[in-house]
């Protein structure tokens, strides 16, 4: 006996099947986030209101924001930042290699340098460099150069040596951490191929260590940019010093400090973006998918918001 089954029939008597009910997803409410956001906005509004009611001439800030003296001071700030970081990075790499050396004398010299410069405040180092004329009356480099110390140690050179040599001590520890993060098997494989120690460092170890070195180095660059304000004590006319001078002559000292703070924030923001793309560049060999860029993040957030609003409107 054969039984014909109607494949289109879903129920007894050939009635069509009942479609399943649509799942109604109810998102979890995070009331703590809402309360925190409201409190944060209220505190921010209170701070803004307090500053708006203070005895500060806010109109003086845009008047001097692009003043020639301010732009010149900003240029000197950037110059001393870049040059001091170059000294710090080159010196830091050399000190890190010396610290990891098997030669006890070389390793001890590097350790003493790092210990001394990390153990003394950079402001004290700047003042000591500026006043070394009390110890060395002349600087004598034989037939190449000879002059009095007070003429040789200019405010620019004082700022450059004080910041650069101090930064080398910190960069040495950063570079040492990056070099130690590379697996020793990489070095052994390079030596097995006949590569020298210096070539192994240049071609194998240092490129892989950059992934660890770059993020803290970016922080050091931003910190160096702000630390340049300390060189005003040795009469170097960088951004902070210029802002102070303008504030004394214009009768708006507090306003010029806010102007300097605005420029520092602008410059550190630009450096932060550069740091992000540099980290993204060196992350290519370690992660399968690169982190999104700031523009991609903004587009993704806008797309998610538009989808959320369209879904809410469709449900309504």
Foldseek 3Di string as FASTA:
>chain_A
DDDDDDPQADDPPRHGDDDDDDDDDDDDDDVVVVVVVVVVVVVVVVVVVVVVPDPADLVVLVVCLVPPLLVVQAVLLVVLLVLLLVLQQVLLLCLLCQCPDPPVVSNVVSVVLLCVLVVDDLLVQLVCLQPCCVVVQWDDPDPPDIDGSNVVCALSNSSSCSRNSSSNSVSNVQLNVLLVVDDVVQVVVCVVVVDDPVVCVVPPRVLNSCLSNLPVSLVVSLVSSVVSLSSVVRVDRHNNVSLCVCCVVVVRNVSSVVSSVVVSVVVNVVSVLVSLVVSQVSCPVPDPDGDDHPVVVVVVVVVVVVVVVVVVVVVD
